[in-house]
């Protein structure tokens, strides 16, 4: 089975200020469970995480 992402990587040219090289990278967002929700309303998979595209230069992330 082939894994396919639902979006294309962003064009990161000029998105990292003057830092080079500025490349697109996938970032997994941290999984937060809201404390004000009852356990019966939360039906998420504990292993579920969101992926989003960011522009990266060295150890810094920038919004595309």
N, C-alpha and C. Protein backbone atom coordinates (compact mmCIF):
# COMPACT_ATOMS: atom_id res chain seq x y z
N UNK A 1 0.84 -1.17 0.00
CA UNK A 1 0.00 0.00 0.00
C UNK A 1 0.89 1.24 0.00
N UNK A 2 0.59 2.19 -0.87
CA UNK A 2 1.38 3.41 -1.01
C UNK A 2 0.78 4.52 -0.15
N UNK A 3 1.63 5.24 0.62
CA UNK A 3 1.16 6.35 1.44
C UNK A 3 1.16 7.61 0.60
N UNK A 4 0.03 8.33 0.61
CA UNK A 4 -0.10 9.56 -0.16
C UNK A 4 -0.58 10.67 0.77
N UNK A 5 0.12 11.79 0.75
CA UNK A 5 -0.28 12.93 1.56
C UNK A 5 -1.36 13.72 0.85
N UNK A 6 -2.18 14.41 1.61
CA UNK A 6 -3.30 15.14 1.04
C UNK A 6 -2.97 16.52 0.53
N UNK A 7 -1.76 16.98 0.67
CA UNK A 7 -1.41 18.31 0.19
C UNK A 7 0.01 18.31 -0.37
N UNK A 8 0.28 19.34 -1.12
CA UNK A 8 1.62 19.48 -1.71
C UNK A 8 2.52 20.30 -0.79
N UNK A 9 3.82 20.10 -0.87
CA UNK A 9 4.73 20.92 -0.07
C UNK A 9 4.68 22.37 -0.54
N UNK A 10 4.86 23.32 0.37
CA UNK A 10 4.82 24.73 0.00
C UNK A 10 6.09 25.15 -0.73
N UNK A 11 5.99 26.24 -1.44
CA UNK A 11 7.17 26.87 -2.02
C UNK A 11 7.81 27.69 -0.90
N UNK A 12 8.98 27.33 -0.49
CA UNK A 12 9.61 27.97 0.67
C UNK A 12 10.61 29.06 0.30
N UNK A 13 10.67 29.43 -0.96
CA UNK A 13 11.58 30.51 -1.36
C UNK A 13 11.18 31.80 -0.65
N UNK A 14 12.14 32.44 -0.01
CA UNK A 14 11.95 33.70 0.72
C UNK A 14 10.99 33.59 1.90
N UNK A 15 10.81 32.42 2.47
CA UNK A 15 9.93 32.24 3.62
C UNK A 15 10.70 32.12 4.93
N UNK A 16 12.02 31.97 4.86
CA UNK A 16 12.84 31.78 6.06
C UNK A 16 13.71 32.99 6.34
N UNK A 17 13.20 34.17 6.02
CA UNK A 17 13.95 35.41 6.16
C UNK A 17 15.20 35.29 5.30
N UNK A 18 16.37 35.49 5.85
CA UNK A 18 17.59 35.39 5.04
C UNK A 18 18.32 34.07 5.25
N UNK A 19 17.71 33.15 5.97
CA UNK A 19 18.32 31.85 6.26
C UNK A 19 18.30 30.96 5.02
N UNK A 20 19.38 30.24 4.78
CA UNK A 20 19.48 29.33 3.65
C UNK A 20 20.09 28.02 4.12
N UNK A 21 19.72 26.86 3.62
CA UNK A 21 18.64 26.63 2.67
C UNK A 21 17.30 26.55 3.39
N UNK A 22 16.26 27.01 2.73
CA UNK A 22 14.90 26.99 3.28
C UNK A 22 14.14 25.90 2.53
N UNK A 23 13.80 24.82 3.23
CA UNK A 23 13.17 23.67 2.59
C UNK A 23 11.85 23.31 3.26
N UNK A 24 10.96 22.71 2.49
CA UNK A 24 9.67 22.25 3.01
C UNK A 24 9.88 20.99 3.82
N UNK A 25 9.18 20.90 4.94
CA UNK A 25 9.27 19.72 5.79
C UNK A 25 7.91 19.45 6.45
N UNK A 26 7.62 18.20 6.69
CA UNK A 26 6.38 17.83 7.38
C UNK A 26 6.62 17.86 8.88
N UNK A 27 5.67 18.43 9.61
CA UNK A 27 5.78 18.55 11.05
C UNK A 27 4.55 17.90 11.67
N UNK A 28 4.76 17.04 12.65
CA UNK A 28 3.65 16.43 13.37
C UNK A 28 3.30 17.32 14.55
N UNK A 29 2.04 17.74 14.61
CA UNK A 29 1.62 18.57 15.73
C UNK A 29 1.38 17.70 16.95
N UNK A 30 1.57 18.29 18.11
CA UNK A 30 1.37 17.53 19.34
C UNK A 30 -0.11 17.26 19.53
N UNK A 31 -0.43 16.13 20.12
CA UNK A 31 -1.81 15.69 20.34
C UNK A 31 -2.27 16.21 21.69
N UNK A 32 -3.27 17.09 21.68
CA UNK A 32 -3.80 17.63 22.93
C UNK A 32 -5.23 17.17 23.12
N UNK A 33 -5.51 16.71 24.30
CA UNK A 33 -6.87 16.35 24.67
C UNK A 33 -7.37 17.45 25.60
N UNK A 34 -8.44 18.11 25.20
CA UNK A 34 -8.97 19.21 25.99
C UNK A 34 -9.50 18.70 27.32
N UNK A 35 -9.17 19.39 28.40
CA UNK A 35 -9.57 18.95 29.72
C UNK A 35 -11.04 19.24 30.01
N UNK A 36 -11.69 20.12 29.22
CA UNK A 36 -13.08 20.44 29.50
C UNK A 36 -14.06 19.52 28.77
N UNK A 37 -13.59 18.56 28.03
CA UNK A 37 -14.47 17.61 27.36
C UNK A 37 -14.66 16.38 28.22
N UNK A 38 -15.86 15.86 28.20
CA UNK A 38 -16.11 14.62 28.93
C UNK A 38 -15.51 13.45 28.17
N UNK A 39 -15.15 12.43 28.88
CA UNK A 39 -14.53 11.25 28.27
C UNK A 39 -15.46 10.60 27.26
N UNK A 40 -16.76 10.71 27.46
CA UNK A 40 -17.71 10.08 26.54
C UNK A 40 -17.79 10.81 25.21
N UNK A 41 -17.41 12.10 25.17
CA UNK A 41 -17.47 12.84 23.92
C UNK A 41 -16.16 12.72 23.14
N UNK A 42 -15.11 12.28 23.78
CA UNK A 42 -13.82 12.13 23.11
C UNK A 42 -13.72 10.74 22.52
N UNK A 43 -13.69 10.68 21.19
CA UNK A 43 -13.63 9.38 20.53
C UNK A 43 -12.42 9.28 19.61
N UNK A 44 -11.41 10.11 19.86
CA UNK A 44 -10.23 10.12 19.01
C UNK A 44 -9.33 8.93 19.26
N UNK A 45 -8.55 8.62 18.27
CA UNK A 45 -7.55 7.57 18.37
C UNK A 45 -6.31 8.18 19.04
N UNK A 46 -5.82 7.57 20.09
CA UNK A 46 -4.67 8.10 20.82
C UNK A 46 -3.41 8.17 19.96
N UNK A 47 -3.34 7.39 18.89
CA UNK A 47 -2.16 7.40 18.03
C UNK A 47 -2.32 8.39 16.88
N UNK A 48 -3.43 9.11 16.82
CA UNK A 48 -3.69 10.05 15.73
C UNK A 48 -2.88 11.33 15.93
N UNK A 49 -2.31 11.84 14.88
CA UNK A 49 -1.60 13.11 14.94
C UNK A 49 -1.75 13.81 13.60
N UNK A 50 -1.75 15.14 13.63
CA UNK A 50 -1.90 15.94 12.42
C UNK A 50 -0.53 16.24 11.83
N UNK A 51 -0.46 16.21 10.52
CA UNK A 51 0.75 16.61 9.81
C UNK A 51 0.49 17.93 9.12
N UNK A 52 1.45 18.81 9.16
CA UNK A 52 1.33 20.08 8.45
C UNK A 52 2.67 20.43 7.83
N UNK A 53 2.60 21.21 6.75
CA UNK A 53 3.81 21.64 6.07
C UNK A 53 4.35 22.91 6.72
N UNK A 54 5.65 22.96 6.91
CA UNK A 54 6.35 24.14 7.39
C UNK A 54 7.60 24.31 6.55
N UNK A 55 8.15 25.50 6.58
CA UNK A 55 9.44 25.75 5.94
C UNK A 55 10.49 25.70 7.05
N UNK A 56 11.57 24.98 6.79
CA UNK A 56 12.61 24.79 7.80
C UNK A 56 13.94 25.31 7.28
N UNK A 57 14.64 25.98 8.19
CA UNK A 57 16.02 26.38 7.93
C UNK A 57 16.80 26.12 9.21
N UNK A 58 17.78 25.26 9.10
CA UNK A 58 18.55 24.79 10.25
C UNK A 58 17.60 24.24 11.31
N UNK A 59 17.56 24.81 12.50
CA UNK A 59 16.69 24.27 13.55
C UNK A 59 15.44 25.13 13.78
N UNK A 60 15.11 26.01 12.82
CA UNK A 60 13.96 26.90 12.97
C UNK A 60 12.88 26.56 11.96
N UNK A 61 11.61 26.69 12.39
CA UNK A 61 10.47 26.46 11.52
C UNK A 61 9.78 27.79 11.22
N UNK A 62 9.31 27.92 9.98
CA UNK A 62 8.62 29.12 9.54
C UNK A 62 7.31 28.73 8.88
N UNK A 63 6.30 29.60 8.99
CA UNK A 63 5.03 29.35 8.31
C UNK A 63 5.19 29.64 6.82
N UNK A 64 4.70 28.75 5.97
CA UNK A 64 4.83 28.97 4.52
C UNK A 64 3.93 30.09 4.01
